[in-house]
């Protein structure tokens, strides 16, 4: 196998890695914004409650993050399949 045979494959790997990196960064930013908005609309200070050991607040925040990630992930899977 020559280097010229590997060139298109390497290019496809780099493109895939670029899209994965772009998706990870955008997901991290959007989840960060989601957490900020969620904690802004709740009447209590969520981080303070979690630091005090309030497990129920931690579970609620984790459920919000996981639920949003599932919606975004499943939407992407649906619209990227051919």
N, C-alpha and C. Protein backbone atom coordinates (compact mmCIF):
# COMPACT_ATOMS: atom_id res chain seq x y z
N UNK A 1 0.85 -1.17 0.00
CA UNK A 1 0.00 0.00 0.00
C UNK A 1 0.90 1.24 0.00
N UNK A 2 0.67 2.11 -0.93
CA UNK A 2 1.49 3.30 -1.07
C UNK A 2 0.88 4.48 -0.32
N UNK A 3 1.67 5.51 -0.16
CA UNK A 3 1.22 6.71 0.52
C UNK A 3 0.08 7.39 -0.23
N UNK A 4 0.11 7.34 -1.54
CA UNK A 4 -0.95 7.97 -2.32
C UNK A 4 -2.29 7.26 -2.12
N UNK A 5 -2.24 5.98 -1.77
CA UNK A 5 -3.48 5.25 -1.49
C UNK A 5 -4.06 5.66 -0.14
N UNK A 6 -3.22 6.04 0.80
CA UNK A 6 -3.67 6.41 2.13
C UNK A 6 -4.15 7.85 2.21
N UNK A 7 -3.78 8.67 1.25
CA UNK A 7 -4.10 10.10 1.30
C UNK A 7 -5.61 10.37 1.39
N UNK A 8 -6.47 9.77 0.57
CA UNK A 8 -7.92 10.04 0.71
C UNK A 8 -8.48 9.54 2.04
N UNK A 9 -7.96 8.41 2.51
CA UNK A 9 -8.43 7.87 3.79
C UNK A 9 -8.02 8.79 4.94
N UNK A 10 -6.80 9.28 4.90
CA UNK A 10 -6.33 10.20 5.93
C UNK A 10 -7.14 11.49 5.92
N UNK A 11 -7.47 11.97 4.75
CA UNK A 11 -8.28 13.18 4.63
C UNK A 11 -9.66 12.96 5.25
N UNK A 12 -10.26 11.81 4.99
CA UNK A 12 -11.57 11.51 5.57
C UNK A 12 -11.50 11.41 7.10
N UNK A 13 -10.42 10.82 7.62
CA UNK A 13 -10.23 10.76 9.07
C UNK A 13 -10.10 12.15 9.66
N UNK A 14 -9.37 13.03 9.01
CA UNK A 14 -9.21 14.39 9.51
C UNK A 14 -10.52 15.16 9.46
N UNK A 15 -11.30 14.97 8.41
CA UNK A 15 -12.60 15.62 8.32
C UNK A 15 -13.53 15.12 9.43
N UNK A 16 -13.53 13.82 9.65
CA UNK A 16 -14.37 13.24 10.71
C UNK A 16 -13.95 13.75 12.07
N UNK A 17 -12.64 13.80 12.31
CA UNK A 17 -12.13 14.31 13.59
C UNK A 17 -12.51 15.78 13.77
N UNK A 18 -12.45 16.56 12.71
CA UNK A 18 -12.83 17.96 12.78
C UNK A 18 -14.30 18.14 13.14
N UNK A 19 -15.17 17.35 12.51
CA UNK A 19 -16.60 17.44 12.84
C UNK A 19 -16.87 16.97 14.27
N UNK A 20 -16.17 15.94 14.71
CA UNK A 20 -16.35 15.46 16.09
C UNK A 20 -15.91 16.53 17.09
N UNK A 21 -14.79 17.18 16.81
CA UNK A 21 -14.31 18.24 17.69
C UNK A 21 -15.27 19.42 17.70
N UNK A 22 -15.77 19.78 16.54
CA UNK A 22 -16.74 20.87 16.43
C UNK A 22 -18.02 20.54 17.21
N UNK A 23 -18.48 19.31 17.08
CA UNK A 23 -19.67 18.89 17.81
C UNK A 23 -19.48 18.88 19.31
N UNK A 24 -18.31 18.43 19.75
CA UNK A 24 -18.04 18.38 21.19
C UNK A 24 -17.96 19.79 21.78
N UNK A 25 -17.33 20.70 21.06
CA UNK A 25 -17.22 22.07 21.55
C UNK A 25 -18.59 22.74 21.59
N UNK A 26 -19.37 22.59 20.53
CA UNK A 26 -20.69 23.22 20.51
C UNK A 26 -21.63 22.60 21.54
N UNK A 27 -21.51 21.31 21.78
CA UNK A 27 -22.33 20.65 22.81
C UNK A 27 -21.95 21.16 24.20
N UNK A 28 -20.66 21.32 24.45
CA UNK A 28 -20.21 21.82 25.75
C UNK A 28 -20.70 23.24 25.98
N UNK A 29 -20.62 24.06 24.96
CA UNK A 29 -21.08 25.45 25.10
C UNK A 29 -22.59 25.49 25.32
N UNK A 30 -23.33 24.72 24.54
CA UNK A 30 -24.80 24.75 24.68
C UNK A 30 -25.25 24.18 26.03
N UNK A 31 -24.59 23.14 26.52
CA UNK A 31 -24.96 22.61 27.83
C UNK A 31 -24.59 23.58 28.94
N UNK A 32 -23.48 24.30 28.77
CA UNK A 32 -23.12 25.33 29.74
C UNK A 32 -24.16 26.43 29.81
N UNK A 33 -24.64 26.86 28.63
CA UNK A 33 -25.70 27.87 28.59
C UNK A 33 -26.98 27.33 29.21
N UNK A 34 -27.30 26.06 28.93
CA UNK A 34 -28.49 25.44 29.50
C UNK A 34 -28.44 25.43 31.02
N UNK A 35 -27.30 25.06 31.59
CA UNK A 35 -27.18 25.02 33.05
C UNK A 35 -27.33 26.42 33.62
N UNK A 36 -26.72 27.41 32.99
CA UNK A 36 -26.85 28.80 33.46
C UNK A 36 -28.31 29.24 33.45
N UNK A 37 -29.04 28.95 32.36
CA UNK A 37 -30.45 29.34 32.28
C UNK A 37 -31.28 28.59 33.30
N UNK A 38 -31.03 27.30 33.46
CA UNK A 38 -31.80 26.50 34.42
C UNK A 38 -31.59 27.03 35.84
N UNK A 39 -30.35 27.31 36.20
CA UNK A 39 -30.09 27.81 37.55
C UNK A 39 -30.58 29.24 37.73
N UNK A 40 -30.70 30.00 36.64
CA UNK A 40 -31.21 31.36 36.72
C UNK A 40 -32.72 31.36 36.98
N UNK A 41 -33.45 30.40 36.39
CA UNK A 41 -34.91 30.40 36.55
C UNK A 41 -35.38 29.66 37.80
N UNK A 42 -34.50 28.91 38.45
CA UNK A 42 -34.91 28.24 39.68
C UNK A 42 -34.82 29.22 40.85
N UNK A 43 -35.73 29.10 41.82
CA UNK A 43 -35.75 30.08 42.91
C UNK A 43 -34.64 29.91 43.96
N UNK A 44 -33.89 28.83 43.88
CA UNK A 44 -32.82 28.61 44.86
C UNK A 44 -31.47 28.61 44.15
N UNK A 45 -30.40 28.77 44.93
CA UNK A 45 -29.05 28.71 44.37
C UNK A 45 -28.64 27.24 44.27
N UNK A 46 -28.68 26.71 43.04
CA UNK A 46 -28.44 25.29 42.83
C UNK A 46 -27.04 24.84 43.23
N UNK A 47 -26.02 25.61 42.87
CA UNK A 47 -24.65 25.21 43.21
C UNK A 47 -24.43 25.21 44.72
N UNK A 48 -25.02 26.18 45.41
CA UNK A 48 -24.87 26.23 46.87
C UNK A 48 -25.52 25.00 47.51
N UNK A 49 -26.68 24.63 46.98
CA UNK A 49 -27.38 23.45 47.50
C UNK A 49 -26.57 22.17 47.25
N UNK A 50 -25.98 22.07 46.08
CA UNK A 50 -25.17 20.89 45.77
C UNK A 50 -23.93 20.85 46.67
N UNK A 51 -23.30 22.00 46.89
CA UNK A 51 -22.13 22.05 47.78
C UNK A 51 -22.48 21.70 49.21
N UNK A 52 -23.72 22.00 49.63
CA UNK A 52 -24.17 21.64 50.98
C UNK A 52 -24.50 20.15 51.08
N UNK A 53 -24.50 19.45 49.96
CA UNK A 53 -24.76 18.02 49.98
C UNK A 53 -26.19 17.65 49.63
N UNK A 54 -26.93 18.55 49.01
CA UNK A 54 -28.30 18.28 48.62
C UNK A 54 -28.29 17.40 47.36
N UNK A 55 -28.46 16.10 47.58
CA UNK A 55 -28.38 15.13 46.50
C UNK A 55 -29.55 15.30 45.52
N UNK A 56 -30.70 15.68 46.01
CA UNK A 56 -31.86 15.83 45.12
C UNK A 56 -31.63 16.94 44.09
N UNK A 57 -30.99 18.02 44.49
CA UNK A 57 -30.69 19.09 43.52
C UNK A 57 -29.68 18.61 42.49
N UNK A 58 -28.72 17.83 42.92
CA UNK A 58 -27.73 17.27 41.98
C UNK A 58 -28.41 16.32 40.99
N UNK A 59 -29.36 15.54 41.45
CA UNK A 59 -30.07 14.61 40.57
C UNK A 59 -30.92 15.38 39.56
N UNK A 60 -31.58 16.44 40.01
CA UNK A 60 -32.40 17.25 39.11
C UNK A 60 -31.53 17.90 38.04
N UNK A 61 -30.40 18.46 38.43
CA UNK A 61 -29.50 19.10 37.47
C UNK A 61 -28.93 18.08 36.49
N UNK A 62 -28.58 16.90 36.98
CA UNK A 62 -28.08 15.84 36.10
C UNK A 62 -29.17 15.39 35.12
N UNK A 63 -30.41 15.31 35.59
CA UNK A 63 -31.51 14.91 34.72
C UNK A 63 -31.75 15.94 33.62
N UNK A 64 -31.63 17.21 33.94
CA UNK A 64 -31.79 18.27 32.94
C UNK A 64 -30.70 18.16 31.88
N UNK A 65 -29.47 17.95 32.32
CA UNK A 65 -28.34 17.84 31.38
C UNK A 65 -28.49 16.61 30.50
N UNK A 66 -28.78 15.46 31.11
CA UNK A 66 -28.90 14.22 30.34
C UNK A 66 -30.09 14.28 29.39
N UNK A 67 -31.21 14.82 29.85
CA UNK A 67 -32.39 14.94 28.99
C UNK A 67 -32.13 15.82 27.78
N UNK A 68 -31.48 16.94 28.00
CA UNK A 68 -31.17 17.82 26.88
C UNK A 68 -30.18 17.18 25.92
N UNK A 69 -29.18 16.51 26.46
CA UNK A 69 -28.20 15.84 25.62
C UNK A 69 -28.85 14.74 24.78
N UNK A 70 -29.80 14.02 25.36
CA UNK A 70 -30.51 12.98 24.61
C UNK A 70 -31.34 13.58 23.47
N UNK A 71 -32.02 14.67 23.74
CA UNK A 71 -32.83 15.30 22.69
C UNK A 71 -31.94 15.77 21.56
N UNK A 72 -30.85 16.45 21.89
CA UNK A 72 -29.94 16.94 20.85
C UNK A 72 -29.32 15.77 20.09
N UNK A 73 -28.84 14.77 20.82
CA UNK A 73 -28.19 13.62 20.19
C UNK A 73 -29.11 12.84 19.27
N UNK A 74 -30.32 12.57 19.74
CA UNK A 74 -31.27 11.82 18.91
C UNK A 74 -31.72 12.62 17.70
N UNK A 75 -31.83 13.93 17.86
CA UNK A 75 -32.18 14.77 16.72
C UNK A 75 -31.07 14.73 15.67
N UNK A 76 -29.84 14.81 16.11
CA UNK A 76 -28.72 14.75 15.18
C UNK A 76 -28.64 13.41 14.48
N UNK A 77 -28.89 12.33 15.21
CA UNK A 77 -28.87 11.01 14.59
C UNK A 77 -29.95 10.91 13.53
N UNK A 78 -31.14 11.42 13.83
CA UNK A 78 -32.25 11.34 12.88
C UNK A 78 -31.97 12.11 11.60
N UNK A 79 -31.38 13.29 11.72
CA UNK A 79 -31.19 14.13 10.55
C UNK A 79 -29.85 13.94 9.85
N UNK A 80 -29.00 13.10 10.39
CA UNK A 80 -27.74 12.85 9.70
C UNK A 80 -27.70 11.48 9.03
N UNK A 81 -28.68 10.64 9.27
CA UNK A 81 -28.72 9.34 8.60
C UNK A 81 -29.26 9.52 7.20
N UNK A 82 -28.73 8.74 6.31
CA UNK A 82 -29.15 8.84 4.90
C UNK A 82 -30.14 7.77 4.55
